[in-house]
Protein backbone atom coordinates (compact mmCIF):
# COMPACT_ATOMS: atom_id res chain seq x y z
CA MET A 1 147.52 24.71 118.98
CA ASP A 2 145.58 26.93 121.29
CA GLY A 3 146.27 29.40 124.07
CA ARG A 4 143.83 30.11 127.17
CA LEU A 5 143.95 33.92 128.42
CA GLY A 6 143.11 35.57 131.54
CA ALA A 7 142.31 39.37 132.00
CA ALA A 8 145.20 41.47 130.87
CA THR A 9 146.02 44.25 133.72
CA GLU A 10 148.22 46.63 132.24
CA PRO A 11 148.12 46.84 128.29
CA LEU A 12 149.84 49.94 127.96
CA ARG A 13 152.90 49.89 130.11
CA LEU A 14 155.53 48.63 128.09
CA LEU A 15 154.46 50.77 125.01
CA ARG A 16 154.12 53.81 127.28
CA GLU A 17 157.54 53.28 128.74
CA GLU A 18 159.45 52.15 125.68
CA VAL A 19 157.66 53.38 122.45
CA ASP A 20 155.05 56.44 122.94
CA GLU A 21 154.61 58.21 126.34
CA ALA A 22 151.19 59.45 124.70
CA ALA A 23 149.94 56.01 123.87
CA GLU A 24 146.25 55.62 124.93
CA VAL A 25 143.45 53.03 125.00
CA ASP A 26 139.86 53.25 124.78
CA ALA A 27 136.55 51.22 124.51
CA LEU A 28 135.68 50.02 121.02
CA SER A 29 132.47 48.37 120.00
CA LEU A 30 132.56 46.62 116.68
CA LYS A 31 129.19 44.99 116.78
CA GLY A 32 127.45 45.80 113.31
CA VAL A 33 130.76 46.05 111.75
CA LEU A 34 132.18 42.64 112.07
CA SER A 35 130.27 39.27 111.92
CA VAL A 36 128.66 37.95 115.38
CA ALA A 37 130.84 34.95 115.05
CA VAL A 38 134.22 37.35 115.18
CA THR A 39 132.87 39.74 117.85
CA SER A 40 131.83 36.79 120.16
CA ARG A 41 135.58 35.51 120.30
CA TYR A 42 137.22 38.96 121.55
CA ARG A 43 136.92 41.78 123.71
CA PHE A 44 137.82 44.92 121.44
CA HIS A 45 139.63 48.28 122.57
CA GLY A 46 141.08 50.98 120.40
CA LEU A 47 144.83 51.83 120.72
CA LEU A 48 146.36 55.15 119.72
CA LEU A 49 150.14 54.50 119.22
CA LEU A 50 152.58 57.06 117.41
CA GLY A 51 149.64 58.82 115.99
CA GLU A 52 148.03 55.62 114.27
CA LYS A 53 144.93 53.83 115.39
CA TYR A 54 144.89 49.99 115.97
CA VAL A 55 142.29 47.40 117.47
CA LEU A 56 143.31 45.60 120.29
CA ALA A 57 141.80 42.18 120.36
CA THR A 58 141.64 40.32 123.50
CA PRO A 59 140.45 36.58 122.81
CA VAL A 60 137.83 35.29 125.45
CA GLU A 61 138.16 31.58 124.39
CA SER A 62 140.75 29.12 123.35
CA PHE A 63 142.44 30.10 119.72
CA THR A 64 144.61 29.23 117.22
CA VAL A 65 147.20 30.91 115.01
CA ASP A 66 145.29 30.21 112.00
CA ARG A 67 142.16 31.52 113.58
CA LEU A 68 143.65 34.65 114.62
CA VAL A 69 145.01 35.20 111.12
CA ALA A 70 141.64 34.95 109.56
CA ASP A 71 139.81 37.13 111.96
CA PHE A 72 142.44 39.82 111.88
CA THR A 73 142.12 39.85 108.09
CA ALA A 74 138.51 40.27 108.46
CA ILE A 75 138.90 43.11 111.08
CA GLU A 76 141.39 44.88 108.85
CA ALA A 77 139.16 44.56 105.84
CA LYS A 78 136.25 46.10 107.60
CA THR A 79 137.79 48.61 109.79
CA GLY A 80 140.86 49.66 107.76
CA LYS A 81 142.77 49.20 110.98
CA LYS A 82 145.53 46.69 111.86
CA ALA A 83 144.64 44.35 114.81
CA ILE A 84 147.10 43.35 117.67
CA VAL A 85 146.09 40.28 120.02
CA LEU A 86 146.48 41.62 123.53
CA VAL A 87 147.08 38.68 126.12
CA PRO A 88 148.64 38.50 129.57
CA GLU A 89 151.07 35.58 128.44
CA LEU A 90 151.97 33.11 125.72
CA SER A 91 154.00 30.06 125.71
CA PRO A 92 157.36 30.32 124.10
CA HIS A 93 156.14 28.05 121.18
CA PHE A 94 152.93 29.87 120.52
CA ARG A 95 154.69 33.27 120.66
CA LYS A 96 157.02 31.81 117.97
CA ALA A 97 154.27 30.67 115.72
CA LEU A 98 152.65 34.18 116.16
CA ILE A 99 156.09 35.75 115.12
CA ALA A 100 156.42 33.30 111.91
CA LYS A 101 153.01 34.26 110.84
CA ARG A 102 153.68 37.95 111.51
CA VAL A 103 150.50 38.29 113.95
CA PRO A 104 151.03 41.25 115.98
CA PHE A 105 150.91 40.91 119.71
CA LEU A 106 151.29 42.68 123.24
CA LEU A 107 152.04 40.79 126.20
CA ASP A 108 150.85 42.63 129.21
CA GLY A 109 153.82 44.87 130.31
CA LYS A 110 156.27 42.07 128.98
CA GLN A 111 156.83 42.19 125.36
CA ALA A 112 155.40 43.64 122.20
CA PHE A 113 155.70 42.35 118.80
CA LEU A 114 154.49 44.90 116.24
CA PRO A 115 156.02 44.24 112.77
CA PHE A 116 154.23 47.13 111.19
CA VAL A 117 156.37 49.54 113.30
CA TYR A 118 159.47 47.24 113.12
CA LEU A 119 159.29 46.80 116.93
CA ASN A 120 160.03 43.78 119.02
CA LEU A 121 160.65 44.97 122.74
CA THR A 122 161.15 42.64 125.72
CA ALA A 123 160.70 44.70 129.06
CA SER A 124 162.39 41.82 131.15
CA LYS A 125 165.48 42.46 129.57
CA PRO A 126 168.03 44.66 131.69
CA ILE A 127 169.45 47.73 130.06
CA GLN A 128 172.93 47.02 129.44
CA GLN A 129 174.44 49.36 126.76
CA THR A 130 177.84 48.43 124.93
CA GLY A 131 179.73 49.95 121.99
CA ASP A 132 179.02 53.15 120.14
CA PHE A 133 176.10 55.38 120.34
CA THR A 134 173.24 55.05 117.55
CA PRO A 135 172.64 58.10 115.38
CA SER A 136 169.83 58.95 117.63
CA THR A 137 171.57 58.59 120.67
CA GLN A 138 174.33 60.99 119.11
CA LEU A 139 171.75 63.61 118.54
CA VAL A 140 170.09 63.29 122.06
CA PHE A 141 173.47 63.30 123.53
CA LEU A 142 174.41 66.57 121.67
CA ALA A 143 170.89 68.13 122.60
CA LEU A 144 171.31 67.24 126.23
CA LEU A 145 175.05 69.02 126.12
CA TYR A 146 173.72 72.10 124.79
CA SER A 147 170.91 72.31 126.98
CA ALA A 148 172.99 73.96 129.73
CA GLY A 149 172.33 71.59 132.52
CA GLU A 150 168.66 72.14 132.27
CA SER A 151 166.42 68.97 132.52
CA ARG A 152 164.54 67.71 129.21
CA SER A 153 161.65 65.70 128.59
CA GLN A 154 161.65 63.02 125.77
CA GLU A 155 158.91 64.66 124.20
CA ASP A 156 160.66 67.95 124.08
CA LEU A 157 163.84 66.06 122.67
CA GLY A 158 161.80 64.39 119.92
CA LYS A 159 160.29 67.61 118.65
CA GLN A 160 163.52 69.58 118.70
CA LEU A 161 165.29 66.93 116.80
CA GLY A 162 162.68 65.36 114.68
CA LEU A 163 162.85 61.98 116.19
CA SER A 164 160.14 59.40 116.81
CA ALA A 165 159.10 58.68 120.42
CA MET A 166 160.54 55.02 120.04
CA SER A 167 164.03 56.62 118.90
CA VAL A 168 164.35 58.88 121.68
CA SER A 169 163.26 56.26 124.31
CA ARG A 170 166.12 54.02 123.03
CA ALA A 171 168.58 56.74 122.95
CA VAL A 172 167.86 57.60 126.38
CA ASP A 173 168.03 54.02 127.55
CA GLN A 174 171.36 53.68 125.87
CA LEU A 175 172.80 56.87 127.70
CA VAL A 176 171.33 55.47 130.82
CA GLY A 177 172.99 52.19 130.16
CA HIS A 178 176.46 53.92 129.92
CA GLY A 179 175.57 55.97 133.37
CA LEU A 180 175.49 59.30 131.68
CA VAL A 181 172.04 60.53 132.41
CA GLU A 182 169.65 60.28 135.24
CA VAL A 183 165.88 59.77 134.44
CA THR A 184 162.76 60.71 136.49
CA THR A 185 159.01 60.10 135.85
CA THR A 186 156.37 63.04 136.29
CA GLY A 187 152.98 63.76 135.45
CA ARG A 188 149.77 62.38 136.73
CA THR A 189 149.97 58.98 135.16
CA GLY A 190 153.82 58.92 135.78
CA ARG A 191 154.51 58.28 132.51
CA ARG A 192 156.49 61.59 131.50
CA LYS A 193 160.26 61.06 131.41
CA ILE A 194 162.40 63.92 132.53
CA ILE A 195 166.27 63.57 131.61
CA ARG A 196 169.01 65.38 133.71
CA VAL A 197 172.74 65.51 132.96
CA PRO A 198 174.24 65.53 136.59
CA HIS A 199 177.75 67.17 135.27
CA LEU A 200 178.12 68.63 131.75
CA ALA A 201 181.82 68.48 131.88
CA GLY A 202 181.74 64.59 132.99
CA PHE A 203 178.87 64.07 130.59
CA TYR A 204 181.05 65.19 127.67
CA CYS A 205 184.30 63.55 128.53
CA ALA A 206 182.59 60.21 129.50
CA GLY A 207 180.30 60.22 126.45
CA MET A 208 182.62 61.22 123.58
CA PRO A 209 184.58 57.73 123.68
CA TYR A 210 181.12 56.17 122.68
CA PHE A 211 180.29 58.93 120.23
CA GLY A 212 181.76 56.75 117.35
CA LYS A 213 182.27 57.50 113.58
CA VAL A 214 180.19 60.57 112.48
CA VAL A 215 181.43 61.15 108.97
CA LYS A 216 180.52 58.31 106.98
CA GLN A 217 181.69 59.68 103.70
CA ALA A 218 182.90 63.25 102.35
CA ILE A 219 182.10 63.77 98.68
CA TYR A 220 182.73 66.49 96.41
CA VAL A 221 180.14 68.18 94.12
CA VAL A 222 179.94 70.77 91.52
CA GLY A 223 176.83 72.99 90.62
CA GLU A 224 174.71 75.44 92.82
CA LEU A 225 175.44 75.41 96.53
CA PRO A 226 172.85 73.25 98.57
CA LEU A 227 170.05 74.91 100.26
CA GLY A 228 169.83 74.50 103.94
CA LEU A 229 172.83 72.66 104.50
CA PRO A 230 174.95 73.99 107.32
CA ARG A 231 178.67 74.69 107.12
CA SER A 232 181.04 72.01 108.66
CA GLY A 233 184.72 71.23 109.32
CA LEU A 234 187.26 73.90 108.57
CA ASP A 235 184.66 75.92 107.07
CA ALA A 236 182.36 75.98 110.25
CA LEU A 237 185.65 76.82 112.17
CA SER A 238 186.59 79.77 109.81
CA GLU A 239 183.18 81.17 110.20
CA ARG A 240 183.70 81.28 114.22
CA THR A 241 187.27 82.39 114.32
CA MET A 242 189.86 84.41 112.48
CA LEU A 243 191.02 81.12 110.69
CA GLY A 244 190.72 81.51 106.85
CA PRO A 245 188.58 79.65 104.81
CA PRO A 246 189.45 76.25 103.18
CA ALA A 247 190.05 76.01 99.48
CA HIS A 248 186.55 74.26 99.16
CA PRO A 249 183.44 75.26 101.04
CA CYS A 250 182.20 72.41 103.14
CA PHE A 251 178.86 71.32 104.27
CA ALA A 252 177.03 68.66 106.26
CA ALA A 253 174.17 66.39 105.69
CA SER A 254 172.77 63.25 106.60
CA HIS A 255 174.07 60.25 104.71
CA ARG A 256 170.33 59.50 103.78
CA ARG A 257 170.62 62.52 101.36
CA ARG A 258 173.45 61.37 99.29
CA PRO A 259 171.07 60.39 96.27
CA GLU A 260 170.30 64.19 95.99
CA PHE A 261 174.08 64.81 95.13
CA ALA A 262 174.87 61.66 93.08
CA GLY A 263 174.27 63.36 89.65
CA ASN A 264 176.83 66.36 90.40
CA GLN A 265 179.48 64.16 92.50
CA ILE A 266 183.13 64.25 91.00
CA ASP A 267 186.23 62.77 92.09
CA TRP A 268 188.38 64.58 94.47
CA HIS A 269 191.41 64.64 92.29
CA GLU A 270 188.99 66.81 89.82
CA ALA A 271 187.72 68.88 92.44
CA ALA A 272 191.03 70.13 93.50
CA ASP A 273 191.23 71.81 90.22
CA ARG A 274 187.73 73.20 90.14
CA LYS A 275 186.72 76.44 92.05
CA ASP A 276 183.04 75.70 91.45
CA SER A 277 183.38 72.43 93.85
CA PHE A 278 182.53 71.86 97.51
CA ARG A 279 182.70 69.24 99.86
CA ILE A 280 179.79 67.46 101.59
CA ASP A 281 180.21 65.70 104.87
CA LEU A 282 177.73 62.67 104.97
CA LEU A 283 176.97 62.19 108.54
CA SER A 284 175.24 59.33 110.54
CA TYR A 285 172.86 61.74 111.66
CA ASP A 286 171.06 65.02 110.41
CA PRO A 287 173.10 68.15 111.76
CA SER A 288 170.35 70.48 110.71
CA PRO A 289 168.27 70.54 114.36
CA LEU A 290 171.19 71.70 115.92
CA ALA A 291 172.79 73.93 113.68
CA GLU A 292 172.75 77.59 114.24
CA ASP A 293 173.26 80.61 111.82
CA GLY A 294 174.03 77.96 109.09
CA ILE A 295 176.78 76.32 111.09
CA VAL A 296 177.05 72.98 112.48
CA ASP A 297 177.24 72.37 116.39
CA PRO A 298 180.46 72.71 118.00
CA VAL A 299 180.99 69.07 118.61
CA THR A 300 180.14 68.20 114.99
CA MET A 301 182.21 71.00 113.86
CA LEU A 302 185.26 69.27 115.71
CA LEU A 303 184.15 65.75 114.51
CA THR A 304 184.34 67.00 110.94
CA ILE A 305 187.93 68.68 110.93
CA ASP A 306 189.85 66.01 109.15
CA GLU A 307 193.32 68.05 109.31
CA HIS A 308 195.48 69.84 111.97
CA ASP A 309 198.33 72.07 112.21
CA GLU A 310 199.42 74.49 114.67
CA ARG A 311 197.00 77.47 113.09
CA ILE A 312 193.98 75.05 113.22
CA ASP A 313 194.64 73.70 116.66
CA GLN A 314 195.18 77.58 117.97
CA ALA A 315 191.89 78.37 116.19
CA ILE A 316 189.97 75.48 118.11
CA ALA A 317 191.68 76.16 121.57
CA ASP A 318 190.76 80.03 121.18
CA TYR A 319 186.99 79.19 120.11
CA MET A 320 186.44 76.21 122.76
CA LYS A 321 188.34 77.92 125.95
CA GLY A 322 184.99 79.70 126.98
CA VAL A 323 183.15 76.36 126.64
CA LEU A 324 182.95 74.92 130.30
CA TRP A 325 182.24 71.41 129.19
CA TYR A 326 184.98 71.10 126.63
CA SER A 327 188.06 69.26 127.26
CA ASP A 328 190.49 68.16 124.57
């Protein structure tokens, strides 16, 4: 099996649009580092992607998958960097063979298979989103909602929310797929994406049906109060209104933090009789980046209130009546 290649024309377009706006490529000489036999088979470039450096290798002659595997093993051993084969096109059969051998490849502006970053993107697929938001999209949605109509860059959103460039890009794609935001590109290279919400109230009303389930599990814990966790549910509402606090303090955390509380977790029946217990809502996303003054953001607060009566509903109405985008 072999593959004959032409010159790649835009090796970074897909990566810059879908993974890392700051991706860069530069010239790389490996003469004296690799054997003459290996250096004669490729043109090399350096790739900076998501803060890591890689070797782009474009074959200059026919090659086989087994030859790529052997050469890439030598490249990684000598340089300490993983190698990616850069080609303008591949036959479906050859592409499947590379994936089976887990050989990373980048098809110029078409597809990227990068198993070391768990990525398999295909640029030719149209954006068409259905179903609930992913956790990253939930966070990006909330950050845009609280931006008071100001445009935000993907880079800025990533820094605020602690998300990777790839996660933000996919979240924005999902919002675009639902028709919720407008995206423009700016900068000298046209690679900086700016996201704009045309109408906040419409954004909220149209987006919330896709927000999905937020609380994955509510657990009860005894012991010292957790540090850095924002208050949620009725506890958060009581902090913002005249409503009395619930029987047990309530906090929110990413569900990924559950192992931290496993040793002190108790059954809710036992918690009802203990004054030193508190509840932790384990959420699909980390609420901390959007919390203020130790309280979860307003939407997360509403989504973690699991009981309603006339008092609670009136407190919610009183607090939210000044929020322009809110609709119950």
